[in-house]
Amino acid sequence: MSKTTVKDVSSTERAQTEAPRTVGGSRAFAILLLITGAAGLLASWVITLDKFKLLEDPNFTPGCSLNPVVSCGNIMKSDQASVFGFPNPMLGLVAYGIVIGVGMSLLARATFPRWYWLTFNAGTLFGVGFVTWLQYQSLYNINSLCLWCCLAWVATILMFWYVTSFNIRNGFLPAPAWLKGFFGEFTWVLPVMHVGIIGMLILTRWWDFWTS
């Protein structure tokens, strides 16, 4: 008959405390990642195909070039469209594919440790920072909009705020109790405000064109 000592119990409790905690996401969170990842992947795929056609034929006009403002061709021909030395949407093909993979894993009830969620959050932070730079370039330097790019912007903003909310609510990112409570109830407010601000900037940037 085995005998359990106080030392054994304390060692077991300490080991459980020190063990990395793994967490999975809800079905709704998984579906949000799938939808935003698929939207971003679709936008990246279409832009990549049009970019190849543009390289073959400099006179090619993408289907989303509708007028002087909504002109995907102007965006694709700009230096900002290949900031890393290759077309930006090729980066999106990889990044949004990863997001879809995470969403599918969560649907299968997978759980991940803190470092995984923080790495994922860092990736979405890079993504939202990159699209913010692209938004500025599009509005004030290139002076054109790309509808597929706008779809990727919205998808990236949504996934960033919801992944950040997930990490704060699970204690992976330090935050006061009131902020955890806010994210628990009103996460949707921040992406709506974020997208709304971008929409207002687009509206005011070409106000004369929209109202003419």
Protein backbone atom coordinates (compact mmCIF):
# COMPACT_ATOMS: atom_id res chain seq x y z
CA MET A 1 0.00 0.00 0.00
CA SER A 2 1.56 3.27 -1.09
CA LYS A 3 1.92 6.15 1.31
CA THR A 4 1.47 9.76 0.15
CA THR A 5 3.47 12.29 2.14
CA VAL A 6 2.94 16.02 2.58
CA LYS A 7 6.10 16.57 0.55
CA ASP A 8 4.68 14.55 -2.35
CA VAL A 9 1.44 16.55 -2.32
CA SER A 10 3.21 19.91 -2.24
CA SER A 11 5.53 18.84 -5.07
CA THR A 12 2.54 17.79 -7.17
CA GLU A 13 0.71 21.07 -6.54
CA ARG A 14 3.86 23.07 -7.37
CA ALA A 15 4.32 21.13 -10.61
CA GLN A 16 0.71 21.78 -11.60
CA THR A 17 1.10 25.47 -10.85
CA GLU A 18 4.31 25.75 -12.85
CA ALA A 19 2.96 23.74 -15.78
CA PRO A 20 2.05 25.92 -18.79
CA ARG A 21 -1.70 26.54 -19.02
CA THR A 22 -3.22 25.74 -22.39
CA VAL A 23 -6.41 27.42 -23.55
CA GLY A 24 -8.76 26.92 -26.48
CA GLY A 25 -11.21 29.35 -27.97
CA SER A 26 -14.98 29.31 -28.29
CA ARG A 27 -16.75 28.17 -31.43
CA ALA A 28 -17.72 31.78 -32.21
CA PHE A 29 -14.08 32.90 -31.90
CA ALA A 30 -12.97 30.06 -34.17
CA ILE A 31 -15.58 30.97 -36.79
CA LEU A 32 -14.54 34.64 -36.65
CA LEU A 33 -10.93 33.63 -37.35
CA LEU A 34 -12.08 31.42 -40.22
CA ILE A 35 -14.20 34.16 -41.79
CA THR A 36 -11.60 36.92 -41.44
CA GLY A 37 -8.80 34.61 -42.56
CA ALA A 38 -10.82 33.48 -45.59
CA ALA A 39 -11.70 37.09 -46.49
CA GLY A 40 -8.06 38.14 -46.29
CA LEU A 41 -6.94 35.08 -48.24
CA LEU A 42 -9.50 35.75 -50.97
CA ALA A 43 -8.40 39.37 -51.28
CA SER A 44 -4.72 38.36 -51.39
CA TRP A 45 -5.41 35.69 -54.01
CA VAL A 46 -7.34 37.99 -56.34
CA ILE A 47 -4.76 40.78 -56.04
CA THR A 48 -1.92 38.31 -56.68
CA LEU A 49 -3.59 37.03 -59.85
CA ASP A 50 -4.20 40.58 -61.08
CA LYS A 51 -0.59 41.49 -60.26
CA PHE A 52 0.68 38.63 -62.44
CA LYS A 53 -1.60 39.76 -65.28
CA LEU A 54 -0.33 43.32 -64.87
CA LEU A 55 3.27 42.10 -65.10
CA GLU A 56 2.41 40.27 -68.34
CA ASP A 57 0.51 43.20 -69.78
CA PRO A 58 1.25 46.71 -68.43
CA ASN A 59 -2.01 47.90 -70.02
CA PHE A 60 -4.13 45.38 -68.12
CA THR A 61 -6.96 46.95 -66.10
CA PRO A 62 -8.03 45.02 -62.96
CA GLY A 63 -11.75 44.41 -62.58
CA CYS A 64 -11.88 46.49 -59.39
CA SER A 65 -10.59 49.62 -61.16
CA LEU A 66 -13.95 51.38 -61.31
CA ASN A 67 -13.07 55.09 -61.42
CA PRO A 68 -10.19 57.51 -60.73
CA VAL A 69 -10.47 56.92 -56.97
CA VAL A 70 -11.33 53.21 -56.77
CA SER A 71 -8.43 52.10 -58.92
CA CYS A 72 -6.67 48.86 -57.98
CA GLY A 73 -4.29 49.28 -60.91
CA ASN A 74 -2.78 52.42 -59.40
CA ILE A 75 -2.22 50.59 -56.13
CA MET A 76 -0.59 47.57 -57.78
CA LYS A 77 1.79 49.74 -59.82
CA SER A 78 2.99 51.69 -56.78
CA ASP A 79 6.27 51.06 -54.95
CA GLN A 80 4.30 50.55 -51.74
CA ALA A 81 2.69 47.43 -53.27
CA SER A 82 6.03 45.58 -53.01
CA VAL A 83 7.52 47.08 -49.88
CA PHE A 84 9.43 43.88 -48.96
CA GLY A 85 10.73 43.27 -52.46
CA PHE A 86 7.82 41.08 -53.54
CA PRO A 87 4.08 41.77 -53.97
CA ASN A 88 2.44 42.43 -50.61
CA PRO A 89 -0.47 40.00 -51.21
CA MET A 90 1.98 37.09 -51.30
CA LEU A 91 2.63 37.81 -47.62
CA GLY A 92 -1.12 37.78 -47.10
CA LEU A 93 -1.43 34.34 -48.70
CA VAL A 94 0.79 32.95 -45.95
CA ALA A 95 -0.47 35.05 -43.03
CA TYR A 96 -4.19 34.61 -43.64
CA GLY A 97 -3.63 30.90 -44.30
CA ILE A 98 -2.14 30.63 -40.80
CA VAL A 99 -5.20 32.37 -39.33
CA ILE A 100 -7.47 29.84 -41.06
CA GLY A 101 -5.33 27.04 -39.63
CA VAL A 102 -5.73 28.41 -36.08
CA GLY A 103 -9.48 28.74 -36.56
CA MET A 104 -9.79 25.15 -37.80
CA SER A 105 -7.70 23.93 -34.85
CA LEU A 106 -9.99 25.69 -32.39
CA LEU A 107 -13.05 24.11 -34.03
CA ALA A 108 -11.37 20.76 -33.40
CA ARG A 109 -11.10 21.76 -29.70
CA ALA A 110 -7.34 22.28 -29.76
CA THR A 111 -5.73 24.21 -26.90
CA PHE A 112 -2.53 26.25 -26.98
CA PRO A 113 -0.16 27.66 -24.34
CA ARG A 114 0.38 31.29 -23.49
CA TRP A 115 3.43 31.74 -25.74
CA TYR A 116 1.42 30.54 -28.73
CA TRP A 117 -1.39 33.03 -28.15
CA LEU A 118 1.05 35.88 -27.57
CA THR A 119 2.93 35.00 -30.76
CA PHE A 120 -0.37 34.93 -32.63
CA ASN A 121 -1.27 38.30 -31.12
CA ALA A 122 2.09 39.73 -32.16
CA GLY A 123 1.40 38.57 -35.71
CA THR A 124 -1.98 40.31 -35.77
CA LEU A 125 -0.36 43.43 -34.27
CA PHE A 126 2.17 43.46 -37.11
CA GLY A 127 -0.71 42.95 -39.54
CA VAL A 128 -2.81 45.84 -38.25
CA GLY A 129 0.26 48.07 -38.13
CA PHE A 130 1.14 47.19 -41.71
CA VAL A 131 -2.36 47.81 -43.04
CA THR A 132 -2.47 51.12 -41.16
CA TRP A 133 0.67 52.17 -43.03
CA LEU A 134 -0.88 50.97 -46.29
CA GLN A 135 -4.06 52.93 -45.54
CA TYR A 136 -2.05 56.12 -45.10
CA GLN A 137 -0.10 55.48 -48.30
CA SER A 138 -3.28 54.71 -50.21
CA LEU A 139 -5.17 57.80 -49.06
CA TYR A 140 -2.45 60.44 -49.05
CA ASN A 141 0.38 59.31 -51.33
CA ILE A 142 -1.00 56.94 -53.98
CA ASN A 143 -4.38 58.74 -53.95
CA SER A 144 -6.36 55.63 -54.88
CA LEU A 145 -8.36 52.88 -53.22
CA CYS A 146 -8.39 49.14 -53.84
CA LEU A 147 -11.62 47.37 -52.84
CA TRP A 148 -9.86 44.05 -52.27
CA CYS A 149 -7.31 45.82 -50.09
CA CYS A 150 -10.15 47.35 -48.08
CA LEU A 151 -11.54 43.85 -47.48
CA ALA A 152 -8.16 42.71 -46.19
CA TRP A 153 -7.93 45.81 -43.98
CA VAL A 154 -11.27 45.10 -42.32
CA ALA A 155 -10.44 41.40 -41.84
CA THR A 156 -7.09 42.24 -40.22
CA ILE A 157 -8.61 44.83 -37.89
CA LEU A 158 -11.30 42.42 -36.71
CA MET A 159 -8.90 39.57 -36.02
CA PHE A 160 -6.44 41.86 -34.20
CA TRP A 161 -9.01 43.23 -31.75
CA TYR A 162 -10.62 39.86 -31.06
CA VAL A 163 -7.30 38.07 -30.55
CA THR A 164 -6.17 40.88 -28.23
CA SER A 165 -9.47 40.63 -26.36
CA PHE A 166 -9.01 36.86 -26.03
CA ASN A 167 -5.54 37.25 -24.53
CA ILE A 168 -6.62 39.96 -22.10
CA ARG A 169 -9.66 38.00 -20.91
CA ASN A 170 -7.56 34.88 -20.34
CA GLY A 171 -4.86 36.74 -18.43
CA PHE A 172 -2.17 36.28 -21.09
CA LEU A 173 -1.82 40.06 -21.37
CA PRO A 174 -1.74 42.07 -18.11
CA ALA A 175 -4.78 44.31 -17.71
CA PRO A 176 -6.90 45.74 -14.88
CA ALA A 177 -10.17 44.09 -13.98
CA TRP A 178 -12.29 46.84 -15.56
CA LEU A 179 -10.55 46.36 -18.90
CA LYS A 180 -11.10 42.59 -18.78
CA GLY A 181 -14.76 43.27 -18.05
CA PHE A 182 -14.98 45.69 -20.96
CA PHE A 183 -13.48 43.20 -23.40
CA GLY A 184 -15.75 40.51 -22.02
CA GLU A 185 -18.85 42.52 -22.93
CA PHE A 186 -17.94 45.09 -25.57
CA THR A 187 -15.08 43.76 -27.70
CA TRP A 188 -17.10 44.60 -30.82
CA VAL A 189 -16.99 48.33 -30.00
CA LEU A 190 -13.27 48.73 -30.76
CA PRO A 191 -13.17 47.16 -34.24
CA VAL A 192 -16.36 49.01 -35.18
CA MET A 193 -14.80 52.31 -34.09
CA HIS A 194 -11.53 51.45 -35.83
CA VAL A 195 -13.24 50.63 -39.14
CA GLY A 196 -15.54 53.64 -38.73
CA ILE A 197 -12.59 56.02 -38.38
CA ILE A 198 -11.03 54.64 -41.57
CA GLY A 199 -14.37 55.00 -43.33
CA MET A 200 -14.61 58.64 -42.25
CA LEU A 201 -11.06 59.31 -43.47
CA ILE A 202 -11.93 57.80 -46.86
CA LEU A 203 -15.14 59.82 -47.02
CA THR A 204 -13.48 63.13 -46.18
CA ARG A 205 -10.39 62.47 -48.32
CA TRP A 206 -12.47 62.36 -51.50
CA TRP A 207 -15.54 64.27 -50.33
CA ASP A 208 -15.83 66.32 -53.51
CA PHE A 209 -15.64 63.19 -55.66
CA TRP A 210 -18.26 61.25 -53.64
CA THR A 211 -20.69 64.19 -53.62
CA SER A 212 -20.22 65.29 -57.23
